[in-house]
Structures are given as structure tokens and as C-alpha cells.
Amino acid sequence: MQSSAKTVDAYIAGLQPERKEDICAVRKMILENLPDGYEEVMNWGMITYQVPLSVYSDTYNNKPLMIVALSSQKNHMAIYLSSIYADEGRREQFEVEYRASGKPFDVGKSCVRFRKLDDLPLPVIAKAIASMKIKDFIGLAKQVRSTRKSKKER
């Protein structure tokens, strides 16, 4: 369920009242933990936190590298954590910490689905976000891209 909102404020204004408070609380947590250099924009129909193209433009799809996204879907809300998707060790550590929190584990490859704010282990998610400095995320993206290129060349 993608939004056609052009700004984050417009996206939030268009949310159902029962979801607005939870999305705003998660957004606040993201902004408080997001390392310097990332920008908050609307992209792909959701609130997106990304590496500006002016900082790194050599991406596989010519779009900014997304570190985190936040959206309200039809049946749930979701946080997308690209940094754990791109790094198996980070994903495994995140899963261990998430499961240890006792919160419902409703996680896809890079998304964490939730129906209410209380379903989220906010400290675990905050730690995952805070741990990926922009230079490290760019380095990880370059490494993943290089690995994929060399696999295609075989």
C-alpha cells in the first residue's frame, strides 16, 4: 500500500488516527537514532531514510540507498531495515536480540511488521539503526554490489 503523499507531513496527516500516534512514535525513535548524513524523504510511497545521491550515486538502480523506511500498510505497519538485510551477521544478531525481547517476532527479510507500538522492541530497532554510520552503509552497499557482479561474471 503505497502513499502518493509528497511530504512526510502530508503522509502523517493522511494516516488513520489510530495509526498516526504509533507511526509518529516510531519516526521519533528513528530520528533520535539515525546517524548523521542520512535524509528523511518520501520515497517508494513511504517515509524513507536514505543516503542522498549527492553523497553516493553509484547504486544499482540509480536511486538513493535506503537505510530505513516506515510505512502504514493495509493490515499492519512496517519498518524496513536495509542494513540488516544487507549484512547476514547484523541480521542474525538483530534476530537474537529481537527474540530475547519477548515481543512478537513478525519479521520478513528486511521488514518488521507491527500492529501497535507495544509490539516493537524499540531499543533493539534503535540499536540497529544507530549502528550503521553512513560511510559504513555505503561500504556495505559497495561490497554487496561487487560480490553480485563477480558472481555474474562466473
N, C-alpha and C. Protein backbone atom coordinates (compact mmCIF):
# COMPACT_ATOMS: atom_id res chain seq x y z
N MET A 1 0.84 -1.17 0.00
CA MET A 1 0.00 0.00 0.00
C MET A 1 0.89 1.24 0.00
N GLN A 2 1.11 1.82 -1.16
CA GLN A 2 1.97 2.99 -1.25
C GLN A 2 1.14 4.27 -1.17
N SER A 3 1.70 5.26 -0.53
CA SER A 3 1.06 6.56 -0.43
C SER A 3 1.52 7.45 -1.58
N SER A 4 0.66 8.35 -2.00
CA SER A 4 1.04 9.32 -3.02
C SER A 4 1.45 10.65 -2.38
N ALA A 5 1.55 10.69 -1.06
CA ALA A 5 1.95 11.91 -0.35
C ALA A 5 3.32 12.35 -0.84
N LYS A 6 3.50 13.64 -0.99
CA LYS A 6 4.77 14.19 -1.46
C LYS A 6 5.71 14.57 -0.32
N THR A 7 5.15 14.76 0.88
CA THR A 7 5.97 15.13 2.04
C THR A 7 5.66 14.20 3.21
N VAL A 8 6.58 14.15 4.15
CA VAL A 8 6.38 13.33 5.35
C VAL A 8 5.19 13.85 6.13
N ASP A 9 5.08 15.16 6.26
CA ASP A 9 3.94 15.74 6.99
C ASP A 9 2.61 15.36 6.34
N ALA A 10 2.56 15.38 5.01
CA ALA A 10 1.33 15.00 4.30
C ALA A 10 1.03 13.52 4.51
N TYR A 11 2.06 12.70 4.52
CA TYR A 11 1.89 11.26 4.75
C TYR A 11 1.26 11.03 6.13
N ILE A 12 1.84 11.67 7.14
CA ILE A 12 1.34 11.50 8.50
C ILE A 12 -0.07 12.05 8.63
N ALA A 13 -0.34 13.17 8.02
CA ALA A 13 -1.69 13.76 8.08
C ALA A 13 -2.74 12.84 7.47
N GLY A 14 -2.34 12.02 6.51
CA GLY A 14 -3.27 11.13 5.85
C GLY A 14 -3.49 9.79 6.54
N LEU A 15 -2.79 9.56 7.65
CA LEU A 15 -2.94 8.29 8.36
C LEU A 15 -4.23 8.24 9.16
N GLN A 16 -4.70 7.01 9.37
CA GLN A 16 -5.84 6.80 10.25
C GLN A 16 -5.43 7.23 11.65
N PRO A 17 -6.33 7.87 12.39
CA PRO A 17 -5.95 8.38 13.73
C PRO A 17 -5.32 7.33 14.63
N GLU A 18 -5.81 6.10 14.58
CA GLU A 18 -5.27 5.06 15.46
C GLU A 18 -3.85 4.65 15.09
N ARG A 19 -3.43 4.95 13.88
CA ARG A 19 -2.06 4.62 13.46
C ARG A 19 -1.12 5.82 13.56
N LYS A 20 -1.65 6.99 13.47
CA LYS A 20 -0.83 8.21 13.45
C LYS A 20 0.09 8.29 14.66
N GLU A 21 -0.45 8.02 15.84
CA GLU A 21 0.36 8.12 17.07
C GLU A 21 1.51 7.12 17.06
N ASP A 22 1.24 5.89 16.64
CA ASP A 22 2.29 4.87 16.61
C ASP A 22 3.36 5.19 15.57
N ILE A 23 2.94 5.60 14.39
CA ILE A 23 3.90 5.96 13.34
C ILE A 23 4.76 7.14 13.80
N CYS A 24 4.14 8.12 14.43
CA CYS A 24 4.91 9.28 14.91
C CYS A 24 5.90 8.88 15.99
N ALA A 25 5.53 7.95 16.87
CA ALA A 25 6.45 7.50 17.92
C ALA A 25 7.63 6.74 17.31
N VAL A 26 7.38 5.90 16.33
CA VAL A 26 8.47 5.16 15.68
C VAL A 26 9.34 6.13 14.89
N ARG A 27 8.73 7.07 14.22
CA ARG A 27 9.50 8.09 13.48
C ARG A 27 10.43 8.85 14.42
N LYS A 28 9.92 9.24 15.59
CA LYS A 28 10.72 9.95 16.57
C LYS A 28 11.92 9.10 16.99
N MET A 29 11.69 7.81 17.24
CA MET A 29 12.78 6.91 17.62
C MET A 29 13.82 6.81 16.50
N ILE A 30 13.35 6.72 15.26
CA ILE A 30 14.28 6.65 14.13
C ILE A 30 15.13 7.91 14.07
N LEU A 31 14.48 9.06 14.11
CA LEU A 31 15.21 10.33 14.01
C LEU A 31 16.20 10.51 15.16
N GLU A 32 15.87 10.04 16.35
CA GLU A 32 16.77 10.16 17.50
C GLU A 32 17.99 9.25 17.38
N ASN A 33 17.89 8.19 16.59
CA ASN A 33 18.97 7.21 16.49
C ASN A 33 19.66 7.18 15.14
N LEU A 34 19.14 7.88 14.18
CA LEU A 34 19.70 7.89 12.83
C LEU A 34 21.04 8.62 12.82
N PRO A 35 22.10 7.96 12.39
CA PRO A 35 23.40 8.64 12.32
C PRO A 35 23.36 9.84 11.36
N ASP A 36 24.28 10.74 11.53
CA ASP A 36 24.38 11.94 10.69
C ASP A 36 24.57 11.57 9.22
N GLY A 37 24.01 12.41 8.36
CA GLY A 37 24.23 12.29 6.92
C GLY A 37 23.05 11.74 6.14
N TYR A 38 22.19 10.98 6.79
CA TYR A 38 21.02 10.45 6.09
C TYR A 38 19.96 11.54 5.99
N GLU A 39 19.08 11.41 5.00
CA GLU A 39 17.99 12.36 4.85
C GLU A 39 16.65 11.65 4.98
N GLU A 40 15.67 12.39 5.50
CA GLU A 40 14.30 11.87 5.60
C GLU A 40 13.49 12.44 4.45
N VAL A 41 12.89 11.56 3.65
CA VAL A 41 12.10 11.98 2.49
C VAL A 41 10.94 11.00 2.29
N MET A 42 10.09 11.32 1.38
CA MET A 42 9.09 10.37 0.91
C MET A 42 9.67 9.71 -0.34
N ASN A 43 9.75 8.41 -0.33
CA ASN A 43 10.25 7.66 -1.48
C ASN A 43 9.58 6.29 -1.45
N TRP A 44 9.28 5.76 -2.58
CA TRP A 44 8.64 4.45 -2.68
C TRP A 44 7.31 4.42 -1.93
N GLY A 45 6.65 5.57 -1.76
CA GLY A 45 5.36 5.64 -1.11
C GLY A 45 5.40 5.50 0.40
N MET A 46 6.57 5.71 1.00
CA MET A 46 6.69 5.60 2.45
C MET A 46 7.74 6.59 2.96
N ILE A 47 7.76 6.78 4.27
CA ILE A 47 8.78 7.64 4.87
C ILE A 47 10.09 6.88 4.76
N THR A 48 11.08 7.51 4.14
CA THR A 48 12.33 6.84 3.85
C THR A 48 13.50 7.64 4.41
N TYR A 49 14.47 6.92 4.93
CA TYR A 49 15.71 7.50 5.42
C TYR A 49 16.80 6.93 4.54
N GLN A 50 17.51 7.82 3.85
CA GLN A 50 18.38 7.37 2.77
C GLN A 50 19.66 8.17 2.69
N VAL A 51 20.61 7.60 1.96
CA VAL A 51 21.85 8.28 1.64
C VAL A 51 21.55 9.21 0.46
N PRO A 52 21.77 10.50 0.61
CA PRO A 52 21.50 11.41 -0.51
C PRO A 52 22.35 11.03 -1.74
N LEU A 53 21.78 11.17 -2.90
CA LEU A 53 22.52 10.88 -4.13
C LEU A 53 23.74 11.78 -4.27
N SER A 54 23.69 12.95 -3.66
CA SER A 54 24.85 13.85 -3.71
C SER A 54 26.03 13.28 -2.91
N VAL A 55 25.76 12.34 -2.01
CA VAL A 55 26.80 11.70 -1.21
C VAL A 55 27.27 10.42 -1.89
N TYR A 56 26.32 9.62 -2.40
CA TYR A 56 26.65 8.37 -3.08
C TYR A 56 25.60 8.09 -4.15
N SER A 57 26.04 8.08 -5.40
CA SER A 57 25.10 7.92 -6.51
C SER A 57 25.32 6.65 -7.32
N ASP A 58 26.36 5.91 -7.05
CA ASP A 58 26.67 4.72 -7.85
C ASP A 58 25.90 3.50 -7.34
N THR A 59 24.58 3.58 -7.41
CA THR A 59 23.72 2.49 -6.94
C THR A 59 23.26 1.65 -8.12
N TYR A 60 22.83 0.43 -7.84
CA TYR A 60 22.43 -0.48 -8.91
C TYR A 60 21.21 0.01 -9.68
N ASN A 61 20.35 0.82 -9.04
CA ASN A 61 19.13 1.27 -9.69
C ASN A 61 19.06 2.79 -9.85
N ASN A 62 20.17 3.46 -9.60
CA ASN A 62 20.26 4.92 -9.69
C ASN A 62 19.33 5.64 -8.71
N LYS A 63 18.91 4.94 -7.68
CA LYS A 63 18.07 5.52 -6.61
C LYS A 63 18.92 5.59 -5.35
N PRO A 64 18.56 6.46 -4.41
CA PRO A 64 19.31 6.55 -3.17
C PRO A 64 19.29 5.23 -2.39
N LEU A 65 20.36 4.97 -1.64
CA LEU A 65 20.41 3.81 -0.77
C LEU A 65 19.51 4.07 0.43
N MET A 66 18.55 3.19 0.66
CA MET A 66 17.62 3.32 1.78
C MET A 66 18.14 2.53 2.96
N ILE A 67 18.32 3.19 4.09
CA ILE A 67 18.74 2.50 5.30
C ILE A 67 17.54 2.05 6.11
N VAL A 68 16.50 2.90 6.19
CA VAL A 68 15.29 2.61 6.96
C VAL A 68 14.10 3.20 6.22
N ALA A 69 12.97 2.54 6.34
CA ALA A 69 11.71 3.11 5.85
C ALA A 69 10.62 2.77 6.85
N LEU A 70 9.57 3.55 6.83
CA LEU A 70 8.46 3.39 7.75
C LEU A 70 7.18 3.56 6.97
N SER A 71 6.26 2.59 7.13
CA SER A 71 5.01 2.70 6.37
C SER A 71 3.83 2.13 7.14
N SER A 72 2.67 2.57 6.70
CA SER A 72 1.41 2.05 7.19
C SER A 72 0.79 1.26 6.05
N GLN A 73 0.67 -0.04 6.22
CA GLN A 73 0.11 -0.92 5.21
C GLN A 73 -1.36 -1.21 5.54
N LYS A 74 -2.00 -1.98 4.70
CA LYS A 74 -3.42 -2.27 4.90
C LYS A 74 -3.69 -2.96 6.24
N ASN A 75 -2.93 -4.01 6.55
CA ASN A 75 -3.19 -4.81 7.74
C ASN A 75 -2.16 -4.65 8.86
N HIS A 76 -1.15 -3.82 8.65
CA HIS A 76 -0.11 -3.63 9.65
C HIS A 76 0.70 -2.38 9.33
N MET A 77 1.61 -2.06 10.19
CA MET A 77 2.61 -1.02 9.93
C MET A 77 3.94 -1.76 9.80
N ALA A 78 4.94 -1.11 9.20
CA ALA A 78 6.21 -1.80 8.98
C ALA A 78 7.38 -0.83 9.03
N ILE A 79 8.49 -1.37 9.54
CA ILE A 79 9.79 -0.70 9.48
C ILE A 79 10.65 -1.58 8.60
N TYR A 80 11.30 -0.97 7.61
CA TYR A 80 12.20 -1.70 6.71
C TYR A 80 13.63 -1.34 7.11
N LEU A 81 14.43 -2.33 7.41
CA LEU A 81 15.80 -2.13 7.87
C LEU A 81 16.78 -2.72 6.87
N SER A 82 17.18 -1.93 5.92
CA SER A 82 18.07 -2.41 4.86
C SER A 82 19.43 -2.84 5.39
N SER A 83 19.88 -2.24 6.47
CA SER A 83 21.20 -2.58 6.98
C SER A 83 21.27 -4.02 7.47
N ILE A 84 20.18 -4.55 8.01
CA ILE A 84 20.22 -5.95 8.44
C ILE A 84 19.98 -6.89 7.27
N TYR A 85 19.30 -6.41 6.24
CA TYR A 85 19.08 -7.21 5.04
C TYR A 85 20.39 -7.43 4.29
N ALA A 86 21.23 -6.42 4.30
CA ALA A 86 22.46 -6.46 3.52
C ALA A 86 23.63 -7.14 4.24
N ASP A 87 23.47 -7.44 5.51
CA ASP A 87 24.58 -8.00 6.30
C ASP A 87 24.05 -9.15 7.15
N GLU A 88 24.42 -10.36 6.78
CA GLU A 88 23.91 -11.57 7.46
C GLU A 88 24.23 -11.57 8.95
N GLY A 89 25.42 -11.14 9.32
CA GLY A 89 25.79 -11.09 10.74
C GLY A 89 24.90 -10.14 11.53
N ARG A 90 24.64 -8.97 10.95
CA ARG A 90 23.75 -8.00 11.60
C ARG A 90 22.34 -8.55 11.71
N ARG A 91 21.88 -9.24 10.67
CA ARG A 91 20.53 -9.80 10.67
C ARG A 91 20.41 -10.86 11.78
N GLU A 92 21.40 -11.72 11.88
CA GLU A 92 21.37 -12.76 12.91
C GLU A 92 21.38 -12.16 14.32
N GLN A 93 22.24 -11.17 14.54
CA GLN A 93 22.31 -10.51 15.85
C GLN A 93 20.99 -9.81 16.17
N PHE A 94 20.42 -9.15 15.17
CA PHE A 94 19.14 -8.47 15.35
C PHE A 94 18.07 -9.48 15.76
N GLU A 95 18.04 -10.63 15.09
CA GLU A 95 17.03 -11.64 15.39
C GLU A 95 17.19 -12.18 16.81
N VAL A 96 18.41 -12.44 17.23
CA VAL A 96 18.65 -12.93 18.59
C VAL A 96 18.15 -11.91 19.61
N GLU A 97 18.51 -10.64 19.42
CA GLU A 97 18.10 -9.59 20.36
C GLU A 97 16.59 -9.38 20.32
N TYR A 98 16.01 -9.44 19.13
CA TYR A 98 14.57 -9.26 18.98
C TYR A 98 13.82 -10.35 19.73
N ARG A 99 14.20 -11.61 19.49
CA ARG A 99 13.53 -12.74 20.14
C ARG A 99 13.70 -12.68 21.67
N ALA A 100 14.85 -12.24 22.12
CA ALA A 100 15.10 -12.13 23.56
C ALA A 100 14.22 -11.06 24.21
N SER A 101 13.72 -10.12 23.42
CA SER A 101 12.88 -9.05 23.97
C SER A 101 11.51 -9.57 24.40
N GLY A 102 11.09 -10.73 23.89
CA GLY A 102 9.78 -11.27 24.22
C GLY A 102 8.64 -10.66 23.41
N LYS A 103 8.96 -9.74 22.52
CA LYS A 103 7.93 -9.12 21.67
C LYS A 103 7.59 -10.07 20.52
N PRO A 104 6.38 -9.95 19.95
CA PRO A 104 6.01 -10.83 18.83
C PRO A 104 7.00 -10.67 17.67
N PHE A 105 7.54 -11.78 17.21
CA PHE A 105 8.54 -11.76 16.14
C PHE A 105 7.82 -11.90 14.80
N ASP A 106 7.55 -10.76 14.16
CA ASP A 106 6.88 -10.74 12.86
C ASP A 106 7.80 -10.00 11.90
N VAL A 107 8.80 -10.73 11.41
CA VAL A 107 9.87 -10.12 10.63
C VAL A 107 10.03 -10.84 9.31
N GLY A 108 10.15 -10.07 8.23
CA GLY A 108 10.49 -10.62 6.92
C GLY A 108 11.99 -10.47 6.72
N LYS A 109 12.43 -10.53 5.48
CA LYS A 109 13.86 -10.42 5.18
C LYS A 109 14.44 -9.10 5.70
N SER A 110 13.72 -7.99 5.47
CA SER A 110 14.21 -6.71 5.97
C SER A 110 13.12 -5.90 6.67
N CYS A 111 11.92 -6.43 6.78
CA CYS A 111 10.84 -5.65 7.38
C CYS A 111 10.44 -6.22 8.73
N VAL A 112 10.03 -5.31 9.59
CA VAL A 112 9.47 -5.66 10.89
C VAL A 112 8.03 -5.18 10.85
N ARG A 113 7.10 -6.11 10.92
CA ARG A 113 5.68 -5.77 10.88
C ARG A 113 5.15 -5.64 12.31
N PHE A 114 4.25 -4.67 12.50
CA PHE A 114 3.66 -4.49 13.82
C PHE A 114 2.25 -3.92 13.68
N ARG A 115 1.39 -4.27 14.62
CA ARG A 115 0.02 -3.78 14.63
C ARG A 115 -0.17 -2.62 15.61
N LYS A 116 0.69 -2.59 16.64
CA LYS A 116 0.66 -1.49 17.61
C LYS A 116 2.08 -1.27 18.13
N LEU A 117 2.32 -0.09 18.63
CA LEU A 117 3.66 0.29 19.09
C LEU A 117 4.20 -0.68 20.12
N ASP A 118 3.35 -1.18 20.99
CA ASP A 118 3.80 -2.07 22.05
C ASP A 118 4.33 -3.40 21.52
N ASP A 119 4.09 -3.71 20.24
CA ASP A 119 4.61 -4.94 19.63
C ASP A 119 6.10 -4.85 19.32
N LEU A 120 6.65 -3.65 19.33
CA LEU A 120 8.04 -3.45 18.88
C LEU A 120 9.05 -3.42 20.03
N PRO A 121 10.18 -4.07 19.85
CA PRO A 121 11.29 -3.91 20.79
C PRO A 121 12.09 -2.67 20.37
N LEU A 122 11.59 -1.50 20.73
CA LEU A 122 12.19 -0.25 20.26
C LEU A 122 13.69 -0.14 20.53
N PRO A 123 14.19 -0.57 21.69
CA PRO A 123 15.65 -0.47 21.91
C PRO A 123 16.45 -1.32 20.91
N VAL A 124 15.93 -2.47 20.53
CA VAL A 124 16.62 -3.34 19.56
C VAL A 124 16.64 -2.69 18.19
N ILE A 125 15.53 -2.11 17.79
CA ILE A 125 15.45 -1.44 16.49
C ILE A 125 16.31 -0.18 16.50
N ALA A 126 16.26 0.57 17.60
CA ALA A 126 17.08 1.78 17.71
C ALA A 126 18.57 1.44 17.59
N LYS A 127 18.98 0.36 18.23
CA LYS A 127 20.38 -0.07 18.17
C LYS A 127 20.79 -0.42 16.74
N ALA A 128 19.91 -1.13 16.02
CA ALA A 128 20.21 -1.49 14.63
C ALA A 128 20.37 -0.25 13.76
N ILE A 129 19.51 0.73 13.98
CA ILE A 129 19.58 1.97 13.20
C ILE A 129 20.83 2.76 13.55
N ALA A 130 21.09 2.94 14.83
CA ALA A 130 22.23 3.75 15.28
C ALA A 130 23.57 3.15 14.90
N SER A 131 23.61 1.84 14.71
CA SER A 131 24.89 1.18 14.47
C SER A 131 25.42 1.30 13.04
N MET A 132 24.63 1.88 12.13
CA MET A 132 25.05 1.92 10.73
C MET A 132 25.35 3.35 10.29
N LYS A 133 26.58 3.75 10.53
CA LYS A 133 27.03 5.07 10.06
C LYS A 133 26.97 5.10 8.54
N ILE A 134 26.81 6.28 7.98
CA ILE A 134 26.61 6.41 6.54
C ILE A 134 27.79 5.85 5.75
N LYS A 135 29.02 6.10 6.19
CA LYS A 135 30.18 5.58 5.45
C LYS A 135 30.21 4.06 5.49
N ASP A 136 29.78 3.47 6.60
CA ASP A 136 29.74 2.01 6.70
C ASP A 136 28.66 1.42 5.80
N PHE A 137 27.53 2.10 5.72
CA PHE A 137 26.43 1.62 4.88
C PHE A 137 26.82 1.70 3.40
N ILE A 138 27.48 2.77 3.01
CA ILE A 138 27.95 2.89 1.63
C ILE A 138 28.97 1.79 1.35
N GLY A 139 29.88 1.55 2.28
CA GLY A 139 30.87 0.48 2.11
C GLY A 139 30.21 -0.88 1.98
N LEU A 140 29.19 -1.14 2.77
CA LEU A 140 28.46 -2.39 2.69
C LEU A 140 27.76 -2.53 1.34
N ALA A 141 27.15 -1.45 0.87
CA ALA A 141 26.48 -1.47 -0.43
C ALA A 141 27.49 -1.75 -1.56
N LYS A 142 28.65 -1.14 -1.48
CA LYS A 142 29.69 -1.39 -2.49
C LYS A 142 30.14 -2.84 -2.46
N GLN A 143 30.31 -3.38 -1.26
CA GLN A 143 30.74 -4.76 -1.10
C GLN A 143 29.69 -5.73 -1.67
N VAL A 144 28.44 -5.51 -1.34
CA VAL A 144 27.36 -6.37 -1.84
C VAL A 144 27.29 -6.30 -3.35
N ARG A 145 27.38 -5.10 -3.89
CA ARG A 145 27.32 -4.92 -5.34
C ARG A 145 28.50 -5.59 -6.04
N SER A 146 29.69 -5.46 -5.46
CA SER A 146 30.88 -6.08 -6.02
C SER A 146 30.76 -7.60 -6.01
N THR A 147 30.25 -8.15 -4.92
CA THR A 147 30.05 -9.59 -4.81
C THR A 147 29.06 -10.09 -5.86
N ARG A 148 27.99 -9.35 -6.04
CA ARG A 148 26.99 -9.75 -7.05
C ARG A 148 27.54 -9.68 -8.46
N LYS A 149 28.34 -8.65 -8.73
CA LYS A 149 28.96 -8.52 -10.05
C LYS A 149 29.89 -9.68 -10.34
N SER A 150 30.71 -10.04 -9.35
CA SER A 150 31.67 -11.13 -9.56
C SER A 150 30.95 -12.47 -9.72
N LYS A 151 29.81 -12.66 -9.08
CA LYS A 151 29.03 -13.89 -9.26
C LYS A 151 28.49 -13.98 -10.68
N LYS A 152 28.05 -12.84 -11.23
CA LYS A 152 27.52 -12.81 -12.60
C LYS A 152 28.61 -13.09 -13.62
N GLU A 153 29.83 -12.69 -13.31
CA GLU A 153 30.94 -12.87 -14.24
C GLU A 153 31.42 -14.32 -14.31
N ARG A 154 31.05 -15.13 -13.34
CA ARG A 154 31.50 -16.53 -13.31
C ARG A 154 30.79 -17.37 -14.32
